[in-house]
Protein backbone atom coordinates (compact mmCIF):
# COMPACT_ATOMS: atom_id res chain seq x y z
CA TYR A 1 76.93 12.00 -14.05
CA GLY A 2 74.43 14.90 -13.73
CA TRP A 3 73.34 17.59 -11.41
CA ASN A 4 72.19 15.15 -8.73
CA GLU A 5 75.49 13.25 -8.64
CA GLU A 6 77.51 16.44 -8.80
CA SER A 7 75.57 17.86 -5.86
CA HIS A 8 76.47 14.84 -3.66
CA PHE A 9 80.03 14.96 -4.94
CA ALA A 10 80.38 18.64 -4.25
CA LEU A 11 79.35 18.15 -0.58
CA LEU A 12 81.77 15.21 -0.36
CA ARG A 13 84.60 17.30 -1.68
CA SER A 14 83.76 20.30 0.50
CA ILE A 15 83.83 18.12 3.67
CA THR A 16 87.03 16.26 2.78
CA GLU A 17 89.02 18.95 1.02
CA GLU A 18 87.80 22.17 2.68
CA ASN A 19 86.43 20.91 6.07
CA ARG A 20 83.10 22.76 5.59
CA PHE A 21 79.53 22.17 4.47
CA GLU A 22 79.32 25.09 2.00
CA ILE A 23 79.89 23.95 -1.62
CA ASP A 24 80.81 27.44 -2.95
CA SER A 25 83.92 26.16 -4.64
CA PHE A 26 81.94 23.61 -6.68
CA ALA A 27 78.50 25.31 -6.92
CA ASN A 28 78.96 26.20 -10.58
CA GLN A 29 79.00 22.48 -11.49
CA THR A 30 75.42 21.64 -10.38
CA GLY A 31 72.03 23.10 -10.48
CA ASP A 32 70.83 20.96 -7.62
CA ARG A 33 71.90 23.41 -4.98
CA ALA A 34 70.57 25.58 -2.14
CA PHE A 35 71.41 29.21 -1.50
CA TYR A 36 71.25 30.57 2.03
CA ASN A 37 73.04 33.38 3.78
CA ASN A 38 75.26 34.15 0.71
CA HIS A 39 76.53 30.56 0.53
CA TYR A 40 75.69 27.52 -1.60
CA TYR A 41 74.80 24.11 -0.14
CA SER A 42 73.88 20.75 -1.65
CA ASP A 43 70.12 20.35 -1.61
CA LYS A 44 70.54 16.67 -0.92
CA GLY A 45 70.75 14.80 2.38
CA PRO A 46 74.27 14.66 3.85
CA GLY A 47 74.24 11.00 4.60
CA LEU A 48 75.71 9.73 1.26
CA ALA A 49 78.62 12.17 1.48
CA PHE A 50 79.23 11.14 5.13
CA LEU A 51 79.38 7.46 4.19
CA ALA A 52 81.62 8.10 1.20
CA THR A 53 84.06 10.36 3.12
CA PRO A 54 86.46 7.54 4.34
CA ALA A 55 86.79 6.11 0.72
CA TYR A 56 87.39 9.51 -0.78
CA THR A 57 89.90 10.47 1.94
CA LEU A 58 91.80 7.18 1.60
CA TRP A 59 91.94 7.53 -2.22
CA ARG A 60 93.27 11.10 -1.80
CA PHE A 61 95.93 9.79 0.58
CA VAL A 62 96.94 7.00 -1.83
CA TYR A 63 96.98 9.30 -4.81
CA ASN A 64 99.50 11.56 -3.08
CA PHE A 65 102.12 8.76 -3.55
CA PHE A 66 101.53 8.64 -7.30
CA PRO A 67 104.60 9.95 -9.34
CA GLY A 68 104.61 13.50 -10.45
CA TRP A 69 104.77 12.77 -14.11
CA PHE A 70 101.52 10.77 -13.85
CA LYS A 71 99.68 13.49 -12.07
CA GLU A 72 100.87 16.05 -14.61
CA ARG A 73 99.97 13.96 -17.62
CA TYR A 74 96.42 13.07 -16.36
CA LYS A 75 95.59 16.32 -14.51
CA GLN A 76 92.24 17.98 -14.94
CA LYS A 77 91.84 20.00 -18.12
CA GLU A 78 90.25 23.39 -18.31
CA ASP A 79 87.88 22.40 -21.06
CA PHE A 80 84.18 22.63 -20.11
CA VAL A 81 80.70 23.07 -21.54
CA THR A 82 78.49 25.86 -20.20
CA GLN A 83 74.74 25.54 -19.83
CA ILE A 84 72.61 28.64 -19.12
CA VAL A 85 69.65 27.89 -16.95
CA GLY A 86 67.00 29.80 -15.05
CA LYS A 87 67.81 33.49 -14.68
CA GLU A 88 70.91 33.40 -16.89
CA VAL A 89 72.73 31.13 -14.36
CA PRO A 90 75.81 29.37 -16.00
CA ILE A 91 76.34 25.76 -14.99
CA ILE A 92 79.53 24.14 -16.35
CA THR A 93 80.27 20.49 -17.12
CA LEU A 94 83.90 19.60 -17.11
CA VAL A 95 84.87 17.77 -20.34
CA ASP A 96 87.74 15.99 -18.65
CA LYS A 97 87.84 15.82 -14.85
CA GLY A 98 91.30 14.39 -14.80
CA PHE A 99 92.35 10.95 -13.53
CA PHE A 100 91.96 11.64 -9.81
CA LEU A 101 88.36 13.07 -9.79
CA PHE A 102 87.07 10.65 -12.45
CA SER A 103 88.49 7.65 -10.55
CA ALA A 104 87.24 9.01 -7.28
CA MET A 105 83.73 9.23 -8.56
CA ILE A 106 83.93 5.63 -9.74
CA ILE A 107 85.29 4.52 -6.40
CA VAL A 108 82.71 6.25 -4.25
CA THR A 109 79.92 5.06 -6.51
CA VAL A 110 81.02 1.47 -6.39
CA LEU A 111 81.43 1.56 -2.57
CA THR A 112 77.99 3.15 -2.02
CA SER A 113 75.40 2.64 -4.68
CA GLY A 114 77.02 -0.36 -6.30
CA ILE A 115 77.80 -2.35 -3.19
CA PHE A 116 74.54 -1.54 -1.45
CA THR A 117 72.42 -2.55 -4.46
CA ALA A 118 74.27 -5.92 -4.45
CA LEU A 119 73.70 -6.29 -0.70
CA THR A 120 69.96 -5.49 -1.11
CA SER A 121 69.76 -8.31 -3.64
CA ILE A 122 71.29 -10.63 -1.05
CA LEU A 123 68.82 -9.43 1.56
CA ILE A 124 65.96 -10.23 -0.85
CA TYR A 125 67.41 -13.68 -1.37
CA ARG A 126 67.64 -14.14 2.45
CA VAL A 127 64.16 -12.96 3.19
CA SER A 128 62.59 -14.99 0.39
CA LYS A 129 63.37 -18.27 2.28
CA PHE A 130 60.31 -17.46 4.37
CA PHE A 131 58.12 -17.52 1.26
CA PHE A 132 59.71 -19.94 -1.20
CA LYS A 133 61.21 -23.38 -0.66
CA GLU A 134 62.70 -23.69 -4.21
CA ASP A 135 66.11 -22.16 -4.21
CA TYR A 136 65.92 -21.30 -7.93
CA LEU A 137 62.86 -19.03 -7.26
CA ARG A 138 64.82 -17.28 -4.50
CA CYS A 139 67.81 -16.73 -6.83
CA LEU A 140 65.49 -15.49 -9.58
CA MET A 141 63.93 -13.01 -7.25
CA ALA A 142 67.31 -11.56 -6.13
CA ILE A 143 68.68 -11.44 -9.70
CA THR A 144 65.53 -9.79 -11.02
CA TYR A 145 65.81 -7.03 -8.48
CA GLY A 146 69.55 -6.50 -9.13
CA VAL A 147 69.54 -6.43 -12.93
CA GLY A 148 65.92 -6.27 -14.00
CA THR A 149 64.68 -3.12 -12.23
CA LEU A 150 65.64 0.49 -11.92
CA ALA A 151 67.92 -0.62 -9.04
CA PHE A 152 70.45 -1.56 -11.68
CA HIS A 153 70.34 1.99 -13.09
CA TYR A 154 70.75 3.70 -9.75
CA ALA A 155 73.54 1.31 -8.79
CA LEU A 156 75.61 3.11 -11.41
CA HIS A 157 75.08 6.63 -10.02
CA PHE A 158 76.40 8.49 -6.94
CA MET A 159 72.93 9.13 -5.77
CA ASN A 160 71.14 8.30 -2.52
CA HIS A 161 68.46 5.89 -3.75
CA ALA A 162 70.41 2.63 -3.59
CA THR A 163 72.07 3.37 -0.28
CA SER A 164 68.85 4.47 1.52
CA ALA A 165 66.97 1.50 -0.01
CA PHE A 166 69.46 -0.97 1.46
CA LEU A 167 69.60 0.66 4.89
CA SER A 168 65.78 0.88 5.27
CA PHE A 169 65.28 -2.71 4.00
CA LEU A 170 68.04 -3.96 6.36
CA SER A 171 66.21 -2.38 9.21
CA PHE A 172 63.01 -4.24 8.22
CA PHE A 173 64.86 -7.48 7.58
CA ILE A 174 66.38 -7.52 11.02
CA LEU A 175 62.95 -7.23 12.66
CA PHE A 176 61.32 -9.58 10.24
CA LYS A 177 63.91 -12.28 10.68
CA SER A 178 63.74 -11.87 14.48
CA GLU A 179 59.99 -12.49 14.36
CA LYS A 180 60.14 -15.46 12.03
CA GLU A 181 62.90 -17.16 13.95
CA LYS A 182 61.43 -16.17 17.38
CA MET A 183 64.74 -14.65 18.48
CA ILE A 184 63.64 -11.20 19.57
CA ASN A 185 66.08 -9.23 21.70
CA TRP A 186 66.97 -5.61 22.34
CA ARG A 187 70.17 -5.69 20.37
CA LYS A 188 68.38 -6.40 17.16
CA PHE A 189 65.82 -3.66 17.82
CA PHE A 190 68.69 -1.24 18.52
CA LEU A 191 70.42 -2.16 15.23
CA ALA A 192 67.14 -1.83 13.32
CA GLY A 193 66.67 1.69 14.69
CA ILE A 194 70.29 2.58 13.85
CA PHE A 195 70.02 1.46 10.18
CA LEU A 196 66.57 3.13 9.70
CA GLY A 197 67.84 6.40 11.17
CA THR A 198 70.94 6.23 8.91
CA SER A 199 68.76 5.73 5.92
CA ILE A 200 66.90 9.00 6.85
CA VAL A 201 70.20 10.91 6.98
CA VAL A 202 70.89 9.57 3.50
CA ASP A 203 67.44 10.37 2.18
CA ARG A 204 65.10 12.51 4.31
CA LEU A 205 61.95 11.23 2.51
CA LEU A 206 62.30 7.85 4.28
CA ILE A 207 60.91 9.54 7.35
CA VAL A 208 57.55 8.34 6.03
CA PHE A 209 58.76 4.81 6.78
CA VAL A 210 59.20 5.52 10.47
CA PRO A 211 55.56 5.12 11.66
CA PHE A 212 55.22 1.81 9.87
CA MET A 213 58.51 0.49 11.25
CA LEU A 214 57.66 1.74 14.73
CA GLY A 215 54.30 0.11 14.59
CA TYR A 216 55.84 -3.14 13.51
CA ALA A 217 58.48 -2.93 16.28
CA PHE A 218 55.79 -2.22 18.80
CA SER A 219 53.73 -5.24 17.69
CA LEU A 220 56.74 -7.44 18.21
CA SER A 221 57.81 -6.13 21.60
CA LYS A 222 56.46 -3.16 23.38
CA LYS A 223 59.56 -2.95 25.69
CA ASP A 224 62.16 -3.36 22.94
CA SER A 225 60.34 -0.80 20.70
CA LEU A 226 61.77 1.84 22.98
CA ILE A 227 65.23 0.60 22.21
CA PHE A 228 64.35 0.81 18.58
CA LEU A 229 63.39 4.49 19.07
CA TYR A 230 66.64 5.10 20.94
CA GLY A 231 68.71 3.68 18.02
CA LEU A 232 66.66 5.78 15.63
CA PHE A 233 67.27 8.92 17.63
CA LEU A 234 71.05 8.30 17.91
CA SER A 235 71.49 7.61 14.20
CA THR A 236 69.55 10.70 13.00
CA LEU A 237 71.56 13.05 15.27
CA PRO A 238 74.09 13.75 12.44
CA PHE A 239 71.15 14.91 10.27
CA PHE A 240 69.93 17.42 12.80
CA ILE A 241 73.47 18.54 13.74
CA TYR A 242 74.19 19.18 10.04
CA ASN A 243 71.01 21.35 9.68
CA TYR A 244 71.74 23.21 12.90
CA THR A 245 75.32 23.92 11.84
CA ILE A 246 74.04 25.58 8.71
CA PHE A 247 70.81 27.20 9.77
CA SER A 248 70.94 27.23 13.61
CA ASP A 249 67.76 25.32 13.45
CA PRO A 250 67.80 21.45 13.27
CA PHE A 251 64.50 21.31 11.42
CA LEU A 252 65.48 23.53 8.58
CA LEU A 253 66.65 21.69 5.53
CA PRO A 254 68.86 22.90 2.56
CA SER A 255 66.10 21.68 0.20
CA PHE A 256 63.82 24.46 1.67
CA PHE A 257 66.26 26.96 0.08
CA ILE A 258 66.63 25.54 -3.48
CA ASP A 259 68.26 28.20 -5.66
CA ARG A 260 65.31 30.20 -7.11
CA ASN A 261 67.55 31.60 -9.77
CA ILE A 262 67.65 28.22 -11.32
CA TYR A 263 64.14 26.88 -10.30
CA THR A 264 62.32 29.99 -11.21
CA THR A 265 58.78 28.39 -11.00
CA LEU A 266 59.08 27.90 -7.30
CA PRO A 267 57.64 30.42 -4.91
CA PRO A 268 59.96 32.64 -2.91
CA VAL A 269 61.46 31.26 0.30
CA ARG A 270 59.36 32.18 3.32
CA LEU A 271 61.53 32.35 6.48
CA GLU A 272 58.70 33.05 8.79
CA SER A 273 57.84 29.31 8.83
CA ARG A 274 61.15 28.42 10.40
CA ASN A 275 59.55 26.20 13.04
CA ILE A 276 57.95 23.02 11.80
CA ILE A 277 55.78 22.65 14.83
CA GLN A 278 53.12 25.35 15.12
CA SER A 279 50.46 24.90 17.75
CA SER A 280 51.53 21.29 18.13
CA VAL A 281 50.65 20.57 14.44
CA ILE A 282 53.30 19.93 11.74
CA SER A 283 52.99 22.89 9.36
CA ILE A 284 51.66 22.39 5.81
CA ASP A 285 54.48 24.61 4.59
CA PHE A 286 57.05 22.14 6.04
CA ILE A 287 55.34 19.19 4.35
CA GLN A 288 55.23 21.00 1.03
CA LYS A 289 58.91 21.77 1.16
CA LEU A 290 59.95 18.33 2.54
CA PHE A 291 58.25 16.44 -0.26
CA HIS A 292 58.78 19.13 -2.99
CA LEU A 293 54.96 19.53 -3.39
CA GLU A 294 55.66 23.11 -4.51
CA SER A 295 57.40 21.88 -7.61
CA LEU A 296 54.68 19.33 -8.29
CA ALA A 297 52.05 22.10 -8.08
CA ALA A 298 54.12 24.21 -10.41
CA ASN A 299 54.49 21.50 -13.03
CA THR A 300 51.66 18.95 -13.18
CA LYS A 301 53.49 17.00 -15.89
CA ILE A 302 56.13 15.71 -13.56
CA MET A 303 54.33 12.68 -12.39
CA GLY A 304 53.50 11.76 -16.04
CA ARG A 305 57.15 12.16 -17.05
CA MET A 306 58.31 9.99 -14.18
CA LEU A 307 55.97 7.23 -15.13
CA ALA A 308 55.81 7.20 -18.95
CA PHE A 309 58.31 9.56 -20.67
CA PRO A 310 61.64 8.30 -22.15
CA TYR A 311 63.65 10.58 -19.84
CA ARG A 312 63.05 8.67 -16.56
CA GLY A 313 59.69 6.94 -17.08
CA LEU A 314 59.34 3.97 -14.73
CA ILE A 315 56.84 2.22 -16.92
CA PHE A 316 58.66 3.21 -20.10
CA TYR A 317 61.81 1.44 -19.03
CA SER A 318 60.21 -1.38 -17.04
CA PRO A 319 56.92 -2.18 -18.89
CA VAL A 320 56.77 -5.52 -17.19
CA LEU A 321 55.68 -3.60 -14.08
CA LEU A 322 52.19 -3.18 -15.65
CA LEU A 323 51.72 -6.91 -15.15
CA SER A 324 52.13 -6.30 -11.36
CA LEU A 325 48.65 -4.85 -11.42
CA LEU A 326 47.33 -8.07 -12.82
CA GLY A 327 49.50 -10.08 -10.40
CA LEU A 328 48.13 -8.19 -7.51
CA PHE A 329 44.58 -9.01 -8.52
CA PHE A 330 45.33 -12.71 -8.75
CA MET A 331 47.29 -12.64 -5.50
CA LEU A 332 44.42 -11.06 -3.54
CA ASP A 333 41.88 -13.32 -5.16
CA GLU A 334 44.00 -16.48 -4.17
CA TYR A 335 44.46 -15.07 -0.64
CA GLU A 336 40.72 -14.46 -0.19
CA GLY A 337 40.02 -17.93 -1.51
CA LYS A 338 42.27 -19.52 1.12
CA THR A 339 40.74 -17.49 3.99
C-alpha cells in the first residue's frame, strides 16, 4: 500500500466508522489529501469508498464476534515509520496495522480491484466473439489482459483504476452487444448510462468518455439516447452530492484543494474560480485542476517517468506495447487494402 491506497482507505474508514467525509483521524497516514476549511479530505473520487462500504461494514460486524484474546493478541501495534515531506509535514506508515485493518484492506481490495479486473477479462472474452471465431484466440486475449498488462498490477491495489475501467467498459459492452445482436431497447441504454455514471463517481477523469459514449448511443437510437442520459444523470448524483456536502458547490472537487504543504510546487488555491461555467464556457482553471495540468506544468518529467522510468513506467514494465505501434501500422494497411 501507499499514499493512493491509504487515501481511499481513509475515506472508507471515515464513512463507516465516523459517519463523515473528513479524514482528519487518518490524514497523517497519506500525502494524497486535500485541505479545505480546516479539515482534511481524500483527494480521490468517492466512488471506490462507496462501493467498498458494504464489505468493510460487514467485516467489522463479523469481527465483533471474534474472541477477546484473539483481538488482544493481534491488535494494531504503535510502531510506525515517519516520512517528512513538503514543508516539514510528517506522514506515518504503520509497521503493523493489526489483524483487522490488514485483513480489511485485503478484503476490500479483492472485492473491488481484484474482482472487477477479473470481470473485465470476461467482458473482453465476450466482446471478442464479434471479432474472432477461434475460441483459443478469445481466451488468449482475455488472459493477456488479466495477467499480461498493468491491469494485473492494479488488481492488487485498493485504487480506482480497475473498478472504473470495468464499469466504463461494461457501459460500452452493453451498447455494443445490443447493436451487434440487434436487440436495442431502453433498458439497456439506461443500464449503460448507470454504469458509465458510476465509473465517473469512482474516477472523475472518465468524464472525457461521456461525449464518445453519448455519440455512440445517439447513433444507435436517438430516442433511447435520452434514457442513456437519464441513467448517467442519476448515477452521478452521489458525486455531486458528495462535493456539495463538503464545499456547498457540486462542481468543486477535493482535488482542487490538494494540500499545498505537501505539494509545494503547485500554485496557491484560487477560490475566485468557484464556478466552472463562466460566460457559458468551461473555465481553463477548472480543466487544469481536473486533469492535474498544474502539476504537469510544474514537473515536465512526469510523462517521461510514467512511460519509461522503473518506478511506474508503462513501457518499462510492458515493453511489448512498443510492438503495438508496428501492429497498428499493419492493421491500418490491411484495412485500407480491403476497402
